[in-house]
Amino acid sequence: MEANENKVTRKGSTPIKVYCLPDERAAIEANAQAAGMSTSAYLLAVGQGYQVKGVTDFENVRDLVRVNGDLGRLGGLLKLWLTDDPRTARFGDDTIRALLARIEATQDKISTIAESVVRPRGGQS
């Protein structure tokens, strides 16, 4: 118990005051929020020389996934439309296959981008 009672903590230490203008404070707070940290944790990390990395905007990733799902549904509807609608007789097999290949390539690209945003690449933390 004595070791825990004598342990120095940050909350028990004297804080460092930083004087800044309101726009500077807003910029610091925005950077901290973008990094997913409190302002205090952000300033502590930067002050100790650590490179602060931002947190992924999961809202944008969710939008990418939504678009990917829309493309999948579009492909499914296109297949259904092509098999049931006699008006599609004027489209050749090559045109249809190229369109489906393009939809699939776009889905793959969106998935790759989303994964690279969410998961850090090898060698980067």
N, C-alpha and C. Protein backbone atom coordinates (compact mmCIF):
# COMPACT_ATOMS: atom_id res chain seq x y z
N MET A 1 0.81 -1.20 0.00
CA MET A 1 0.00 0.00 0.00
C MET A 1 0.85 1.26 0.00
N GLU A 2 1.99 1.26 0.68
CA GLU A 2 2.81 2.46 0.77
C GLU A 2 3.34 2.87 -0.60
N ALA A 3 3.65 1.90 -1.46
CA ALA A 3 4.17 2.22 -2.79
C ALA A 3 3.12 2.97 -3.60
N ASN A 4 1.86 2.58 -3.46
CA ASN A 4 0.78 3.25 -4.19
C ASN A 4 0.52 4.66 -3.67
N GLU A 5 0.69 4.86 -2.36
CA GLU A 5 0.42 6.17 -1.78
C GLU A 5 1.48 7.19 -2.17
N ASN A 6 2.72 6.76 -2.41
CA ASN A 6 3.81 7.68 -2.75
C ASN A 6 3.97 7.84 -4.26
N LYS A 7 3.16 7.18 -5.04
CA LYS A 7 3.27 7.21 -6.49
C LYS A 7 2.86 8.59 -7.01
N VAL A 8 3.69 9.16 -7.89
CA VAL A 8 3.41 10.47 -8.46
C VAL A 8 2.52 10.27 -9.68
N THR A 9 1.45 11.05 -9.76
CA THR A 9 0.54 10.98 -10.90
C THR A 9 0.51 12.33 -11.61
N ARG A 10 0.01 12.34 -12.81
CA ARG A 10 -0.10 13.60 -13.54
C ARG A 10 -1.08 14.55 -12.86
N LYS A 11 -2.18 14.00 -12.36
CA LYS A 11 -3.18 14.87 -11.73
C LYS A 11 -2.65 15.53 -10.47
N GLY A 12 -1.69 14.90 -9.84
CA GLY A 12 -1.10 15.46 -8.63
C GLY A 12 0.05 16.41 -8.92
N SER A 13 0.45 16.51 -10.18
CA SER A 13 1.57 17.36 -10.57
C SER A 13 1.07 18.75 -10.96
N THR A 14 1.99 19.68 -11.02
CA THR A 14 1.65 21.05 -11.40
C THR A 14 1.44 21.13 -12.91
N PRO A 15 0.33 21.71 -13.37
CA PRO A 15 0.08 21.81 -14.81
C PRO A 15 0.95 22.90 -15.45
N ILE A 16 1.17 22.79 -16.73
CA ILE A 16 1.87 23.82 -17.50
C ILE A 16 0.80 24.67 -18.18
N LYS A 17 0.88 25.96 -18.00
CA LYS A 17 -0.08 26.85 -18.65
C LYS A 17 0.48 27.29 -19.99
N VAL A 18 -0.38 27.33 -20.98
CA VAL A 18 0.01 27.81 -22.30
C VAL A 18 -0.93 28.94 -22.68
N TYR A 19 -0.37 30.11 -22.90
CA TYR A 19 -1.18 31.25 -23.29
C TYR A 19 -1.29 31.25 -24.81
N CYS A 20 -2.52 31.36 -25.29
CA CYS A 20 -2.73 31.39 -26.73
C CYS A 20 -3.98 32.22 -27.05
N LEU A 21 -4.05 32.64 -28.27
CA LEU A 21 -5.19 33.41 -28.73
C LEU A 21 -6.36 32.46 -28.98
N PRO A 22 -7.59 32.97 -29.01
CA PRO A 22 -8.76 32.11 -29.23
C PRO A 22 -8.68 31.27 -30.50
N ASP A 23 -8.16 31.86 -31.60
CA ASP A 23 -8.07 31.09 -32.83
C ASP A 23 -6.99 30.01 -32.74
N GLU A 24 -5.93 30.27 -31.99
CA GLU A 24 -4.89 29.26 -31.77
C GLU A 24 -5.45 28.12 -30.91
N ARG A 25 -6.22 28.48 -29.91
CA ARG A 25 -6.84 27.47 -29.05
C ARG A 25 -7.79 26.59 -29.86
N ALA A 26 -8.58 27.22 -30.73
CA ALA A 26 -9.52 26.47 -31.56
C ALA A 26 -8.76 25.52 -32.48
N ALA A 27 -7.63 25.96 -33.03
CA ALA A 27 -6.83 25.10 -33.92
C ALA A 27 -6.26 23.91 -33.14
N ILE A 28 -5.77 24.16 -31.94
CA ILE A 28 -5.22 23.08 -31.10
C ILE A 28 -6.32 22.08 -30.75
N GLU A 29 -7.48 22.59 -30.36
CA GLU A 29 -8.59 21.70 -30.01
C GLU A 29 -9.07 20.90 -31.22
N ALA A 30 -9.08 21.52 -32.40
CA ALA A 30 -9.49 20.81 -33.62
C ALA A 30 -8.48 19.71 -33.96
N ASN A 31 -7.19 20.02 -33.82
CA ASN A 31 -6.16 19.01 -34.08
C ASN A 31 -6.26 17.85 -33.09
N ALA A 32 -6.54 18.16 -31.84
CA ALA A 32 -6.70 17.11 -30.83
C ALA A 32 -7.90 16.23 -31.15
N GLN A 33 -8.99 16.86 -31.54
CA GLN A 33 -10.20 16.10 -31.89
C GLN A 33 -9.94 15.23 -33.11
N ALA A 34 -9.24 15.76 -34.11
CA ALA A 34 -8.93 14.99 -35.31
C ALA A 34 -8.05 13.78 -35.00
N ALA A 35 -7.22 13.93 -33.95
CA ALA A 35 -6.36 12.82 -33.53
C ALA A 35 -7.07 11.88 -32.57
N GLY A 36 -8.29 12.23 -32.18
CA GLY A 36 -9.04 11.38 -31.25
C GLY A 36 -8.51 11.44 -29.83
N MET A 37 -7.97 12.59 -29.46
CA MET A 37 -7.37 12.75 -28.13
C MET A 37 -7.98 13.96 -27.44
N SER A 38 -7.83 13.98 -26.12
CA SER A 38 -8.21 15.19 -25.39
C SER A 38 -7.15 16.25 -25.69
N THR A 39 -7.49 17.50 -25.45
CA THR A 39 -6.54 18.58 -25.70
C THR A 39 -5.29 18.40 -24.85
N SER A 40 -5.48 18.00 -23.60
CA SER A 40 -4.36 17.80 -22.70
C SER A 40 -3.44 16.68 -23.19
N ALA A 41 -4.04 15.55 -23.57
CA ALA A 41 -3.24 14.41 -24.05
C ALA A 41 -2.52 14.77 -25.35
N TYR A 42 -3.19 15.52 -26.21
CA TYR A 42 -2.59 15.95 -27.47
C TYR A 42 -1.37 16.84 -27.22
N LEU A 43 -1.53 17.86 -26.36
CA LEU A 43 -0.42 18.76 -26.07
C LEU A 43 0.73 18.03 -25.38
N LEU A 44 0.41 17.09 -24.51
CA LEU A 44 1.45 16.30 -23.84
C LEU A 44 2.24 15.49 -24.86
N ALA A 45 1.55 14.84 -25.79
CA ALA A 45 2.21 14.03 -26.80
C ALA A 45 3.08 14.88 -27.71
N VAL A 46 2.53 16.00 -28.18
CA VAL A 46 3.28 16.89 -29.07
C VAL A 46 4.47 17.48 -28.32
N GLY A 47 4.26 17.88 -27.09
CA GLY A 47 5.34 18.47 -26.29
C GLY A 47 6.47 17.51 -26.01
N GLN A 48 6.20 16.23 -26.02
CA GLN A 48 7.24 15.23 -25.79
C GLN A 48 7.85 14.74 -27.10
N GLY A 49 7.42 15.34 -28.21
CA GLY A 49 8.03 15.02 -29.50
C GLY A 49 7.41 13.85 -30.24
N TYR A 50 6.27 13.39 -29.79
CA TYR A 50 5.61 12.29 -30.49
C TYR A 50 4.88 12.81 -31.72
N GLN A 51 4.89 12.01 -32.77
CA GLN A 51 4.12 12.35 -33.96
C GLN A 51 2.69 11.88 -33.73
N VAL A 52 1.77 12.81 -33.77
CA VAL A 52 0.36 12.49 -33.53
C VAL A 52 -0.28 12.14 -34.86
N LYS A 53 -0.93 10.99 -34.90
CA LYS A 53 -1.61 10.56 -36.12
C LYS A 53 -3.10 10.68 -35.93
N GLY A 54 -3.77 11.10 -36.98
CA GLY A 54 -5.22 11.30 -36.93
C GLY A 54 -5.99 9.99 -36.91
N VAL A 55 -7.20 10.08 -36.45
CA VAL A 55 -8.10 8.95 -36.42
C VAL A 55 -8.91 8.97 -37.71
N THR A 56 -9.16 7.81 -38.25
CA THR A 56 -9.92 7.71 -39.48
C THR A 56 -11.33 8.25 -39.30
N ASP A 57 -11.80 8.93 -40.31
CA ASP A 57 -13.16 9.42 -40.28
C ASP A 57 -14.08 8.27 -40.69
N PHE A 58 -14.62 7.58 -39.69
CA PHE A 58 -15.43 6.40 -39.96
C PHE A 58 -16.73 6.74 -40.67
N GLU A 59 -17.14 7.99 -40.62
CA GLU A 59 -18.32 8.42 -41.36
C GLU A 59 -18.07 8.27 -42.87
N ASN A 60 -16.88 8.67 -43.31
CA ASN A 60 -16.54 8.55 -44.73
C ASN A 60 -16.40 7.09 -45.14
N VAL A 61 -15.82 6.28 -44.26
CA VAL A 61 -15.69 4.86 -44.56
C VAL A 61 -17.07 4.23 -44.67
N ARG A 62 -17.97 4.63 -43.79
CA ARG A 62 -19.34 4.11 -43.84
C ARG A 62 -20.01 4.50 -45.17
N ASP A 63 -19.73 5.71 -45.65
CA ASP A 63 -20.26 6.14 -46.94
C ASP A 63 -19.69 5.28 -48.08
N LEU A 64 -18.40 4.98 -48.00
CA LEU A 64 -17.80 4.10 -49.01
C LEU A 64 -18.46 2.73 -49.02
N VAL A 65 -18.71 2.20 -47.85
CA VAL A 65 -19.36 0.89 -47.75
C VAL A 65 -20.78 0.96 -48.31
N ARG A 66 -21.46 2.06 -48.05
CA ARG A 66 -22.81 2.25 -48.58
C ARG A 66 -22.81 2.28 -50.11
N VAL A 67 -21.83 2.99 -50.68
CA VAL A 67 -21.71 3.04 -52.13
C VAL A 67 -21.41 1.64 -52.68
N ASN A 68 -20.55 0.92 -51.98
CA ASN A 68 -20.23 -0.45 -52.38
C ASN A 68 -21.49 -1.31 -52.40
N GLY A 69 -22.31 -1.18 -51.39
CA GLY A 69 -23.58 -1.92 -51.34
C GLY A 69 -24.51 -1.51 -52.46
N ASP A 70 -24.55 -0.20 -52.75
CA ASP A 70 -25.38 0.29 -53.85
C ASP A 70 -24.93 -0.30 -55.18
N LEU A 71 -23.60 -0.38 -55.36
CA LEU A 71 -23.09 -0.98 -56.59
C LEU A 71 -23.48 -2.45 -56.69
N GLY A 72 -23.42 -3.15 -55.57
CA GLY A 72 -23.84 -4.56 -55.56
C GLY A 72 -25.30 -4.72 -55.91
N ARG A 73 -26.13 -3.86 -55.34
CA ARG A 73 -27.56 -3.91 -55.66
C ARG A 73 -27.81 -3.54 -57.12
N LEU A 74 -27.06 -2.58 -57.62
CA LEU A 74 -27.18 -2.19 -59.02
C LEU A 74 -26.82 -3.37 -59.93
N GLY A 75 -25.76 -4.05 -59.59
CA GLY A 75 -25.39 -5.23 -60.38
C GLY A 75 -26.47 -6.29 -60.35
N GLY A 76 -27.05 -6.51 -59.19
CA GLY A 76 -28.13 -7.49 -59.07
C GLY A 76 -29.36 -7.08 -59.87
N LEU A 77 -29.72 -5.81 -59.78
CA LEU A 77 -30.86 -5.32 -60.55
C LEU A 77 -30.58 -5.37 -62.05
N LEU A 78 -29.37 -5.07 -62.43
CA LEU A 78 -29.00 -5.12 -63.84
C LEU A 78 -29.11 -6.55 -64.37
N LYS A 79 -28.64 -7.49 -63.61
CA LYS A 79 -28.75 -8.90 -64.02
C LYS A 79 -30.21 -9.30 -64.14
N LEU A 80 -31.01 -8.90 -63.16
CA LEU A 80 -32.44 -9.23 -63.20
C LEU A 80 -33.10 -8.57 -64.40
N TRP A 81 -32.81 -7.32 -64.62
CA TRP A 81 -33.39 -6.57 -65.72
C TRP A 81 -33.02 -7.20 -67.06
N LEU A 82 -31.76 -7.61 -67.18
CA LEU A 82 -31.30 -8.20 -68.44
C LEU A 82 -31.94 -9.55 -68.73
N THR A 83 -32.25 -10.29 -67.71
CA THR A 83 -32.83 -11.62 -67.95
C THR A 83 -34.32 -11.56 -68.19
N ASP A 84 -35.03 -10.58 -67.65
CA ASP A 84 -36.49 -10.55 -67.73
C ASP A 84 -37.05 -9.57 -68.75
N ASP A 85 -36.27 -8.63 -69.21
CA ASP A 85 -36.80 -7.56 -70.05
C ASP A 85 -36.44 -7.81 -71.51
N PRO A 86 -37.43 -7.96 -72.39
CA PRO A 86 -37.13 -8.22 -73.80
C PRO A 86 -36.48 -7.03 -74.51
N ARG A 87 -36.58 -5.83 -73.94
CA ARG A 87 -35.98 -4.66 -74.57
C ARG A 87 -34.45 -4.70 -74.54
N THR A 88 -33.88 -5.58 -73.75
CA THR A 88 -32.42 -5.66 -73.65
C THR A 88 -31.80 -6.47 -74.76
N ALA A 89 -32.61 -6.97 -75.68
CA ALA A 89 -32.10 -7.79 -76.77
C ALA A 89 -31.10 -7.02 -77.64
N ARG A 90 -31.21 -5.70 -77.68
CA ARG A 90 -30.31 -4.91 -78.51
C ARG A 90 -28.91 -4.77 -77.91
N PHE A 91 -28.75 -5.10 -76.62
CA PHE A 91 -27.43 -5.04 -76.00
C PHE A 91 -26.69 -6.34 -76.26
N GLY A 92 -25.45 -6.23 -76.70
CA GLY A 92 -24.64 -7.42 -76.95
C GLY A 92 -24.05 -7.96 -75.66
N ASP A 93 -23.62 -9.20 -75.72
CA ASP A 93 -23.01 -9.84 -74.54
C ASP A 93 -21.77 -9.09 -74.08
N ASP A 94 -20.99 -8.61 -75.03
CA ASP A 94 -19.75 -7.90 -74.67
C ASP A 94 -20.04 -6.63 -73.88
N THR A 95 -21.08 -5.89 -74.27
CA THR A 95 -21.43 -4.65 -73.56
C THR A 95 -21.86 -4.95 -72.13
N ILE A 96 -22.70 -5.97 -71.99
CA ILE A 96 -23.19 -6.34 -70.66
C ILE A 96 -22.05 -6.83 -69.78
N ARG A 97 -21.20 -7.68 -70.31
CA ARG A 97 -20.08 -8.21 -69.53
C ARG A 97 -19.11 -7.09 -69.13
N ALA A 98 -18.88 -6.15 -70.04
CA ALA A 98 -18.00 -5.03 -69.72
C ALA A 98 -18.58 -4.17 -68.60
N LEU A 99 -19.88 -3.93 -68.66
CA LEU A 99 -20.54 -3.15 -67.61
C LEU A 99 -20.45 -3.85 -66.26
N LEU A 100 -20.74 -5.14 -66.24
CA LEU A 100 -20.67 -5.90 -64.98
C LEU A 100 -19.24 -5.95 -64.45
N ALA A 101 -18.27 -6.09 -65.36
CA ALA A 101 -16.87 -6.11 -64.93
C ALA A 101 -16.47 -4.76 -64.33
N ARG A 102 -17.00 -3.70 -64.91
CA ARG A 102 -16.70 -2.36 -64.39
C ARG A 102 -17.31 -2.15 -63.01
N ILE A 103 -18.52 -2.61 -62.81
CA ILE A 103 -19.16 -2.51 -61.49
C ILE A 103 -18.36 -3.31 -60.47
N GLU A 104 -17.94 -4.51 -60.83
CA GLU A 104 -17.17 -5.35 -59.92
C GLU A 104 -15.81 -4.71 -59.60
N ALA A 105 -15.16 -4.15 -60.61
CA ALA A 105 -13.87 -3.48 -60.38
C ALA A 105 -14.03 -2.29 -59.45
N THR A 106 -15.11 -1.55 -59.61
CA THR A 106 -15.37 -0.41 -58.73
C THR A 106 -15.61 -0.87 -57.30
N GLN A 107 -16.35 -1.97 -57.13
CA GLN A 107 -16.56 -2.53 -55.79
C GLN A 107 -15.24 -2.93 -55.16
N ASP A 108 -14.38 -3.59 -55.92
CA ASP A 108 -13.08 -4.00 -55.39
C ASP A 108 -12.23 -2.80 -54.99
N LYS A 109 -12.27 -1.77 -55.81
CA LYS A 109 -11.49 -0.57 -55.52
C LYS A 109 -12.00 0.11 -54.26
N ILE A 110 -13.30 0.21 -54.10
CA ILE A 110 -13.87 0.82 -52.89
C ILE A 110 -13.48 0.02 -51.66
N SER A 111 -13.56 -1.30 -51.76
CA SER A 111 -13.19 -2.15 -50.62
C SER A 111 -11.72 -1.97 -50.26
N THR A 112 -10.86 -1.91 -51.26
CA THR A 112 -9.43 -1.73 -51.02
C THR A 112 -9.15 -0.39 -50.35
N ILE A 113 -9.79 0.65 -50.83
CA ILE A 113 -9.60 1.98 -50.24
C ILE A 113 -10.10 2.00 -48.80
N ALA A 114 -11.27 1.43 -48.56
CA ALA A 114 -11.83 1.41 -47.21
C ALA A 114 -10.91 0.65 -46.25
N GLU A 115 -10.39 -0.48 -46.69
CA GLU A 115 -9.49 -1.25 -45.83
C GLU A 115 -8.20 -0.49 -45.55
N SER A 116 -7.66 0.19 -46.55
CA SER A 116 -6.41 0.92 -46.34
C SER A 116 -6.61 2.10 -45.39
N VAL A 117 -7.81 2.65 -45.35
CA VAL A 117 -8.09 3.76 -44.44
C VAL A 117 -8.25 3.25 -43.02
N VAL A 118 -8.92 2.12 -42.85
CA VAL A 118 -9.20 1.60 -41.52
C VAL A 118 -8.00 0.88 -40.93
N ARG A 119 -7.33 0.06 -41.72
CA ARG A 119 -6.19 -0.71 -41.23
C ARG A 119 -4.90 -0.03 -41.65
N PRO A 120 -3.99 0.24 -40.69
CA PRO A 120 -2.72 0.85 -41.07
C PRO A 120 -1.91 -0.11 -41.92
N ARG A 121 -1.14 0.46 -42.85
CA ARG A 121 -0.28 -0.36 -43.71
C ARG A 121 0.88 -0.90 -42.91
N GLY A 122 1.50 -1.96 -43.42
CA GLY A 122 2.65 -2.56 -42.75
C GLY A 122 3.76 -1.56 -42.55
N GLY A 123 4.35 -1.55 -41.37
CA GLY A 123 5.45 -0.64 -41.07
C GLY A 123 4.98 0.69 -40.50
N GLN A 124 3.69 0.96 -40.55
CA GLN A 124 3.16 2.20 -39.99
C GLN A 124 2.26 1.86 -38.84
N SER A 125 2.35 2.62 -37.78
CA SER A 125 1.48 2.38 -36.62
C SER A 125 0.66 3.58 -36.32
